[in-house]
Amino acid sequence: QVQLVESGGGLVQAGGSLRLSCAASGRTVSTNAMGWFRQAPGKEREFVGVINWSGGSTYYADSVKGRFTISRDNAKNTVYLQMNSLKLDDTAVYYCVVRGRDGGIGTRPEQYDYWGQGTQVTVSS
């Protein structure tokens, strides 16, 4: 089993930046893709981005491309989400995910096996 704990959420003004962290425990996830989803009130859970096991490949939703950056530190079993130029529409609960079943990646929630509890990001005008 893998436990995921996110941190770094909070309140930020539009145009500002935040950096989310997600630490995994229970076993190493260095051979697994890690990623982020988000869910705004009244909306479905939405893919944000994913990074492959080595950190050599990333993929982002069009809505965040060019503003958000995912990175990972396998020595720390941790993934990061750097969010710049934040917009009001980025307000959501952000969830860290790990695909534990294999070394692949995906953009759908059902393709991930482990989820964090979520951290709130609120962007104000």
C-alpha atoms as a PDB file:
ATOM      1  CA  GLN A   1       0.000   0.000   0.000  1.00  0.00           C
ATOM      2  CA  VAL A   2       0.999   3.573  -0.698  1.00  0.00           C
ATOM      3  CA  GLN A   3      -0.018   6.546   1.383  1.00  0.00           C
ATOM      4  CA  LEU A   4       0.106  10.010  -0.155  1.00  0.00           C
ATOM      5  CA  VAL A   5       0.145  13.282   1.745  1.00  0.00           C
ATOM      6  CA  GLU A   6      -0.166  16.595  -0.095  1.00  0.00           C
ATOM      7  CA  SER A   7       0.946  19.946   1.246  1.00  0.00           C
ATOM      8  CA  GLY A   8       1.418  23.482   0.032  1.00  0.00           C
ATOM      9  CA  GLY A   9      -2.121  24.494  -0.784  1.00  0.00           C
ATOM     10  CA  GLY A  10      -3.596  27.781   0.301  1.00  0.00           C
ATOM     11  CA  LEU A  11      -4.976  31.138  -0.768  1.00  0.00           C
ATOM     12  CA  VAL A  12      -3.214  33.117  -3.489  1.00  0.00           C
ATOM     13  CA  GLN A  13      -4.081  36.086  -5.651  1.00  0.00           C
ATOM     14  CA  ALA A  14      -4.628  35.697  -9.353  1.00  0.00           C
ATOM     15  CA  GLY A  15      -1.314  35.820 -11.159  1.00  0.00           C
ATOM     16  CA  GLY A  16       0.538  34.402  -8.177  1.00  0.00           C
ATOM     17  CA  SER A  17       2.296  31.090  -7.627  1.00  0.00           C
ATOM     18  CA  LEU A  18       2.054  28.079  -5.365  1.00  0.00           C
ATOM     19  CA  ARG A  19       4.060  24.903  -5.082  1.00  0.00           C
ATOM     20  CA  LEU A  20       2.355  21.702  -4.020  1.00  0.00           C
ATOM     21  CA  SER A  21       4.243  18.723  -2.661  1.00  0.00           C
ATOM     22  CA  CYS A  22       3.153  15.134  -2.284  1.00  0.00           C
ATOM     23  CA  ALA A  23       5.130  12.667  -0.210  1.00  0.00           C
ATOM     24  CA  ALA A  24       4.569   8.950  -0.679  1.00  0.00           C
ATOM     25  CA  SER A  25       5.135   6.362   2.030  1.00  0.00           C
ATOM     26  CA  GLY A  26       4.616   2.647   2.398  1.00  0.00           C
ATOM     27  CA  ARG A  27       6.890   1.646  -0.450  1.00  0.00           C
ATOM     28  CA  THR A  28       9.036   3.284  -3.064  1.00  0.00           C
ATOM     29  CA  VAL A  29       7.174   4.729  -6.044  1.00  0.00           C
ATOM     30  CA  SER A  30      10.324   5.345  -8.079  1.00  0.00           C
ATOM     31  CA  THR A  31       9.116   2.950 -10.800  1.00  0.00           C
ATOM     32  CA  ASN A  32       5.630   4.447 -11.027  1.00  0.00           C
ATOM     33  CA  ALA A  33       4.069   7.461 -12.665  1.00  0.00           C
ATOM     34  CA  MET A  34       2.899  10.196 -10.326  1.00  0.00           C
ATOM     35  CA  GLY A  35       0.454  12.929 -11.143  1.00  0.00           C
ATOM     36  CA  TRP A  36      -2.138  15.448 -10.125  1.00  0.00           C
ATOM     37  CA  PHE A  37      -5.881  15.801 -10.550  1.00  0.00           C
ATOM     38  CA  ARG A  38      -8.149  18.547  -9.317  1.00  0.00           C
ATOM     39  CA  GLN A  39     -11.811  18.985  -8.542  1.00  0.00           C
ATOM     40  CA  ALA A  40     -13.677  22.251  -8.331  1.00  0.00           C
ATOM     41  CA  PRO A  41     -17.061  22.541  -6.584  1.00  0.00           C
ATOM     42  CA  GLY A  42     -19.824  21.131  -8.726  1.00  0.00           C
ATOM     43  CA  LYS A  43     -17.414  19.830 -11.350  1.00  0.00           C
ATOM     44  CA  GLU A  44     -15.963  16.449 -12.207  1.00  0.00           C
ATOM     45  CA  ARG A  45     -12.458  15.475 -11.236  1.00  0.00           C
ATOM     46  CA  GLU A  46     -10.056  16.801 -13.869  1.00  0.00           C
ATOM     47  CA  PHE A  47      -6.624  15.625 -14.979  1.00  0.00           C
ATOM     48  CA  VAL A  48      -3.878  18.206 -14.395  1.00  0.00           C
ATOM     49  CA  GLY A  49      -0.621  16.484 -15.273  1.00  0.00           C
ATOM     50  CA  VAL A  50       1.577  13.428 -14.891  1.00  0.00           C
ATOM     51  CA  ILE A  51       5.275  12.608 -14.745  1.00  0.00           C
ATOM     52  CA  ASN A  52       6.717   9.242 -15.643  1.00  0.00           C
ATOM     53  CA  TRP A  53       8.826   7.125 -13.297  1.00  0.00           C
ATOM     54  CA  SER A  54      12.162   8.644 -14.324  1.00  0.00           C
ATOM     55  CA  GLY A  55      11.002  12.225 -14.540  1.00  0.00           C
ATOM     56  CA  GLY A  56      12.004  12.306 -18.176  1.00  0.00           C
ATOM     57  CA  SER A  57       8.496  12.662 -19.541  1.00  0.00           C
ATOM     58  CA  THR A  58       5.616  14.894 -18.510  1.00  0.00           C
ATOM     59  CA  TYR A  59       2.143  15.489 -19.886  1.00  0.00           C
ATOM     60  CA  TYR A  60      -0.257  18.286 -19.010  1.00  0.00           C
ATOM     61  CA  ALA A  61      -3.850  19.247 -19.534  1.00  0.00           C
ATOM     62  CA  ASP A  62      -4.234  22.040 -22.063  1.00  0.00           C
ATOM     63  CA  SER A  63      -5.723  24.273 -19.382  1.00  0.00           C
ATOM     64  CA  VAL A  64      -2.462  24.332 -17.396  1.00  0.00           C
ATOM     65  CA  LYS A  65       0.169  23.823 -20.088  1.00  0.00           C
ATOM     66  CA  GLY A  66       2.854  26.481 -19.925  1.00  0.00           C
ATOM     67  CA  ARG A  67       1.837  27.546 -16.404  1.00  0.00           C
ATOM     68  CA  PHE A  68       2.216  24.382 -14.313  1.00  0.00           C
ATOM     69  CA  THR A  69       5.285  22.174 -13.993  1.00  0.00           C
ATOM     70  CA  ILE A  70       5.507  18.715 -12.458  1.00  0.00           C
ATOM     71  CA  SER A  71       8.758  17.359 -11.090  1.00  0.00           C
ATOM     72  CA  ARG A  72       9.773  14.533  -8.817  1.00  0.00           C
ATOM     73  CA  ASP A  73      12.534  13.493  -6.457  1.00  0.00           C
ATOM     74  CA  ASN A  74      12.700   9.713  -6.320  1.00  0.00           C
ATOM     75  CA  ALA A  75      15.173   9.785  -3.460  1.00  0.00           C
ATOM     76  CA  LYS A  76      12.485  11.507  -1.394  1.00  0.00           C
ATOM     77  CA  ASN A  77       9.536   9.602  -2.882  1.00  0.00           C
ATOM     78  CA  THR A  78       8.006  12.995  -3.605  1.00  0.00           C
ATOM     79  CA  VAL A  79       6.298  14.738  -6.501  1.00  0.00           C
ATOM     80  CA  TYR A  80       5.847  18.485  -6.890  1.00  0.00           C
ATOM     81  CA  LEU A  81       3.456  20.730  -8.775  1.00  0.00           C
ATOM     82  CA  GLN A  82       4.722  24.245  -9.423  1.00  0.00           C
ATOM     83  CA  MET A  83       1.793  26.462 -10.345  1.00  0.00           C
ATOM     84  CA  ASN A  84       2.478  29.875 -11.855  1.00  0.00           C
ATOM     85  CA  SER A  85       0.222  32.569 -13.316  1.00  0.00           C
ATOM     86  CA  LEU A  86      -2.684  31.206 -11.336  1.00  0.00           C
ATOM     87  CA  LYS A  87      -6.188  31.980 -12.508  1.00  0.00           C
ATOM     88  CA  LEU A  88      -9.542  32.022 -10.733  1.00  0.00           C
ATOM     89  CA  ASP A  89     -10.452  28.831 -12.624  1.00  0.00           C
ATOM     90  CA  ASP A  90      -7.551  27.022 -10.957  1.00  0.00           C
ATOM     91  CA  THR A  91      -9.444  27.076  -7.658  1.00  0.00           C
ATOM     92  CA  ALA A  92     -10.005  23.449  -6.673  1.00  0.00           C
ATOM     93  CA  VAL A  93      -8.968  20.639  -4.391  1.00  0.00           C
ATOM     94  CA  TYR A  94      -5.776  19.155  -5.810  1.00  0.00           C
ATOM     95  CA  TYR A  95      -5.119  15.438  -5.486  1.00  0.00           C
ATOM     96  CA  CYS A  96      -1.829  13.628  -5.830  1.00  0.00           C
ATOM     97  CA  VAL A  97      -1.985  10.220  -7.514  1.00  0.00           C
ATOM     98  CA  VAL A  98       0.259   7.235  -8.133  1.00  0.00           C
ATOM     99  CA  ARG A  99      -0.233   4.582 -10.774  1.00  0.00           C
ATOM    100  CA  GLY A 100       0.801   1.527  -8.857  1.00  0.00           C
ATOM    101  CA  ARG A 101      -0.199  -1.225 -11.256  1.00  0.00           C
ATOM    102  CA  ASP A 102       2.596  -0.711 -13.811  1.00  0.00           C
ATOM    103  CA  GLY A 103       5.016   1.824 -15.251  1.00  0.00           C
ATOM    104  CA  GLY A 104       2.550   3.432 -17.613  1.00  0.00           C
ATOM    105  CA  ILE A 105       0.866   6.818 -17.475  1.00  0.00           C
ATOM    106  CA  GLY A 106      -2.708   7.964 -18.025  1.00  0.00           C
ATOM    107  CA  THR A 107      -5.100  10.876 -17.923  1.00  0.00           C
ATOM    108  CA  ARG A 108      -8.178   9.241 -16.435  1.00  0.00           C
ATOM    109  CA  PRO A 109      -8.869   8.817 -12.702  1.00  0.00           C
ATOM    110  CA  GLU A 110      -9.449   5.068 -12.999  1.00  0.00           C
ATOM    111  CA  GLN A 111      -5.908   4.630 -14.291  1.00  0.00           C
ATOM    112  CA  TYR A 112      -4.472   5.535 -10.882  1.00  0.00           C
ATOM    113  CA  ASP A 113      -4.421   3.300  -7.867  1.00  0.00           C
ATOM    114  CA  TYR A 114      -3.481   5.576  -4.989  1.00  0.00           C
ATOM    115  CA  TRP A 115      -4.872   8.991  -4.087  1.00  0.00           C
ATOM    116  CA  GLY A 116      -3.979  11.588  -1.507  1.00  0.00           C
ATOM    117  CA  GLN A 117      -6.555  13.291   0.668  1.00  0.00           C
ATOM    118  CA  GLY A 118      -6.354  16.492  -1.339  1.00  0.00           C
ATOM    119  CA  THR A 119      -5.224  20.033  -0.648  1.00  0.00           C
ATOM    120  CA  GLN A 120      -7.279  23.152  -1.275  1.00  0.00           C
ATOM    121  CA  VAL A 121      -6.022  25.811  -3.658  1.00  0.00           C
ATOM    122  CA  THR A 122      -8.020  29.021  -3.754  1.00  0.00           C
ATOM    123  CA  VAL A 123      -7.215  31.791  -6.222  1.00  0.00           C
ATOM    124  CA  SER A 124      -8.713  35.167  -5.441  1.00  0.00           C
ATOM    125  CA  SER A 125      -9.156  38.254  -7.590  1.00  0.00           C
END
